[in-house]
Protein backbone atom coordinates (compact mmCIF):
# COMPACT_ATOMS: atom_id res chain seq x y z
CA MET A 1 -12.95 17.39 -0.64
CA VAL A 2 -13.37 14.36 -2.92
CA VAL A 3 -15.50 12.63 -0.23
CA GLY A 4 -17.78 15.81 -0.01
CA ALA A 5 -18.31 15.84 -3.72
CA VAL A 6 -18.98 12.10 -3.97
CA LEU A 7 -21.49 12.40 -1.04
CA LEU A 8 -23.20 15.26 -2.76
CA LEU A 9 -23.45 13.42 -5.99
CA GLU A 10 -24.73 10.30 -4.09
CA ALA A 11 -27.31 12.30 -2.10
CA THR A 12 -28.74 14.21 -5.04
CA GLY A 13 -28.11 12.66 -8.44
CA LEU A 14 -28.26 8.85 -7.77
CA ASN A 15 -31.85 8.71 -6.61
CA PHE A 16 -32.75 8.61 -10.25
CA LEU A 17 -30.21 5.72 -10.98
CA ARG A 18 -31.83 2.99 -8.95
CA VAL A 19 -31.56 -0.46 -10.37
CA ALA A 20 -33.65 -3.30 -8.79
CA ASN A 21 -34.49 -0.60 -6.11
CA VAL A 22 -30.85 -0.32 -5.19
CA LYS A 23 -28.57 2.70 -5.35
CA PRO A 24 -24.90 2.44 -5.92
CA ASP A 25 -22.65 3.20 -2.85
CA LEU A 26 -20.22 5.66 -4.38
CA LEU A 27 -18.37 6.34 -1.11
CA LEU A 28 -17.84 2.54 -0.97
CA ILE A 29 -16.55 2.41 -4.54
CA LEU A 30 -14.26 5.38 -3.73
CA THR A 31 -12.92 3.61 -0.66
CA VAL A 32 -12.32 0.45 -2.57
CA CYS A 33 -10.45 2.15 -5.41
CA HIS A 34 -8.42 4.31 -2.99
CA ALA A 35 -7.54 1.31 -0.83
CA TYR A 36 -6.65 -0.83 -3.80
CA LEU A 37 -4.31 1.82 -5.06
CA ARG A 38 -2.94 3.23 -1.79
CA GLY A 39 -2.76 0.47 0.76
CA PRO A 40 -4.41 -0.39 4.14
CA ARG A 41 -3.58 2.70 5.99
CA GLN A 42 -4.98 5.26 3.61
CA GLY A 43 -7.83 2.84 2.61
CA ALA A 44 -8.97 2.51 6.18
CA ALA A 45 -8.63 6.30 6.79
CA LEU A 46 -10.69 7.09 3.74
CA GLY A 47 -13.18 4.43 4.60
CA LEU A 48 -13.70 5.81 8.09
CA LEU A 49 -13.96 9.44 6.81
CA SER A 50 -16.37 8.58 4.03
CA GLY A 51 -18.49 6.28 6.31
CA LEU A 52 -18.72 8.92 9.05
CA ALA A 53 -19.73 11.51 6.33
CA GLN A 54 -22.41 9.15 5.10
CA ASP A 55 -23.52 8.51 8.72
CA LEU A 56 -23.73 12.20 9.53
CA TYR A 57 -25.67 12.87 6.28
CA THR A 58 -28.19 10.14 6.87
CA GLY A 59 -28.46 10.48 10.62
CA TYR A 60 -29.06 6.68 11.17
CA TYR A 61 -26.96 4.47 13.21
CA LEU A 62 -23.97 6.90 13.62
CA GLY A 63 -20.77 5.02 13.21
CA LEU A 64 -22.04 1.90 11.39
CA ASN A 65 -20.98 3.02 8.01
CA ALA A 66 -17.72 4.36 9.26
CA VAL A 67 -16.82 0.98 10.79
CA ALA A 68 -18.02 -0.90 7.75
CA LYS A 69 -16.23 1.26 5.19
CA GLY A 70 -13.12 1.45 7.38
CA ALA A 71 -12.91 -2.29 7.56
CA VAL A 72 -13.39 -2.55 3.86
CA GLY A 73 -10.61 0.05 3.35
CA LEU A 74 -8.31 -1.94 5.46
CA ALA A 75 -9.14 -5.26 4.02
CA VAL A 76 -8.84 -4.09 0.28
CA GLY A 77 -5.76 -2.10 1.15
CA ALA A 78 -4.14 -5.31 2.31
CA LEU A 79 -4.15 -6.33 -1.34
CA GLU A 80 -2.01 -3.40 -2.44
CA GLY A 81 1.11 -4.63 -4.29
CA LYS A 82 -0.30 -8.07 -4.59
CA LEU A 83 -2.60 -7.55 -7.54
CA TYR A 84 -2.38 -5.92 -11.01
CA ARG A 85 -3.41 -2.16 -10.48
CA GLU A 86 -3.02 -0.69 -14.04
CA GLY A 87 -6.62 -1.49 -15.06
CA PRO A 88 -9.97 -2.23 -13.51
CA HIS A 89 -9.74 -5.95 -14.41
CA LEU A 90 -9.18 -7.09 -10.83
CA ALA A 91 -10.58 -4.06 -9.11
CA VAL A 92 -14.02 -5.04 -10.30
CA PRO A 93 -14.35 -8.36 -8.54
CA VAL A 94 -12.60 -6.85 -5.56
CA ALA A 95 -15.36 -4.22 -5.44
CA ALA A 96 -18.02 -6.91 -5.56
CA LEU A 97 -16.51 -8.79 -2.81
CA ALA A 98 -15.87 -5.58 -0.77
CA THR A 99 -19.57 -4.70 -1.18
CA LEU A 100 -20.46 -8.18 0.15
CA PHE A 101 -18.11 -7.71 3.07
CA HIS A 102 -19.44 -4.17 3.71
CA GLU A 103 -23.09 -5.32 3.72
CA LEU A 104 -22.21 -8.17 6.01
CA ILE A 105 -20.68 -5.87 8.56
CA PHE A 106 -23.52 -3.49 8.20
CA PHE A 107 -26.05 -6.35 8.67
CA LEU A 108 -24.23 -7.66 11.76
CA GLY A 109 -24.07 -4.17 13.20
CA LEU A 110 -27.77 -3.71 12.77
CA ARG A 111 -28.37 -7.12 14.40
CA TYR A 112 -26.19 -6.07 17.26
CA LEU A 113 -28.31 -2.93 17.61
CA GLY A 114 -31.44 -4.93 17.76
CA VAL A 115 -32.77 -4.12 14.29
CA ALA A 116 -34.38 -7.21 12.66
CA VAL A 117 -33.44 -7.59 9.09
CA PRO A 118 -34.43 -10.76 7.37
CA PHE A 119 -31.06 -12.09 6.01
CA GLY A 120 -32.36 -14.06 3.03
CA PHE A 121 -34.47 -11.27 1.77
CA ALA A 122 -31.81 -8.65 2.20
CA PHE A 123 -29.15 -10.80 0.62
CA VAL A 124 -31.17 -11.45 -2.57
CA HIS A 125 -32.87 -8.10 -2.93
CA ILE A 126 -30.22 -5.67 -1.67
CA VAL A 127 -26.79 -7.30 -1.34
CA VAL A 128 -26.50 -9.15 -4.66
CA PRO A 129 -27.80 -6.21 -6.74
CA ALA A 130 -25.52 -3.85 -4.82
CA CYS A 131 -22.56 -6.08 -5.50
CA VAL A 132 -23.32 -6.08 -9.26
CA TYR A 133 -24.03 -2.39 -9.40
CA ASN A 134 -21.01 -1.30 -7.45
CA ALA A 135 -18.74 -3.62 -9.51
CA ALA A 136 -20.16 -2.19 -12.82
CA LEU A 137 -19.58 1.36 -11.64
CA THR A 138 -16.03 0.49 -10.46
CA THR A 139 -15.33 -0.41 -14.20
CA LEU A 140 -16.20 3.19 -15.09
CA GLY A 141 -14.57 4.96 -12.15
CA TYR A 142 -11.43 3.15 -11.50
CA ASN A 143 -9.22 4.40 -14.39
CA PRO A 144 -10.18 8.03 -14.00
CA TYR A 145 -9.46 7.82 -10.29
CA HIS A 146 -6.26 6.13 -10.85
CA ARG A 147 -5.17 8.78 -13.28
CA LEU A 148 -6.19 11.59 -10.77
CA LEU A 149 -3.92 9.92 -8.09
CA GLN A 150 -1.04 9.66 -10.48
CA GLN A 151 -1.43 13.42 -11.46
CA LEU A 152 -1.46 14.39 -7.85
CA ASP A 153 1.67 12.21 -7.19
CA ARG A 154 3.41 13.97 -10.05
CA ARG A 155 2.54 17.39 -8.74
CA ARG A 156 3.78 16.45 -5.18
CA SER A 157 7.13 15.32 -6.59
CA VAL A 158 7.61 18.52 -8.64
CA VAL A 159 6.68 21.03 -5.97
CA PRO A 160 9.59 21.76 -3.54
CA ARG A 161 8.85 21.20 0.19
């Protein structure tokens, strides 16, 4: 449900929030935050789901976002328990590096599919601004998402099974 809401927000509202002609990748930010808080298994699962949703919405290169976001979820999730989680202090640089990793996987996937993308141009005009933009938005979104997960955990522990 969260993935659908984020995809809807990304597809409709964020066209007006372009900076340096780059849109933030809210599904990637969601994947990074979730993996950072929940670990590699849940991070990879959410990454695959959100990437597949994004692929189905855009209709381009089906599976490429799923692979890239799944790999990011797995890699970021491996940091669970190793870094401070109570604030966005470390999640922000992790989000920037995760964006770099995501874009590298996406670029390599495009190259494998025969799509010629000039690496230097893409890096300077797409990847670097996306890293900065996603990291900045992680600053705003990390704490509310962390609190949401904590509330869900409390509700699960109270409800008898």
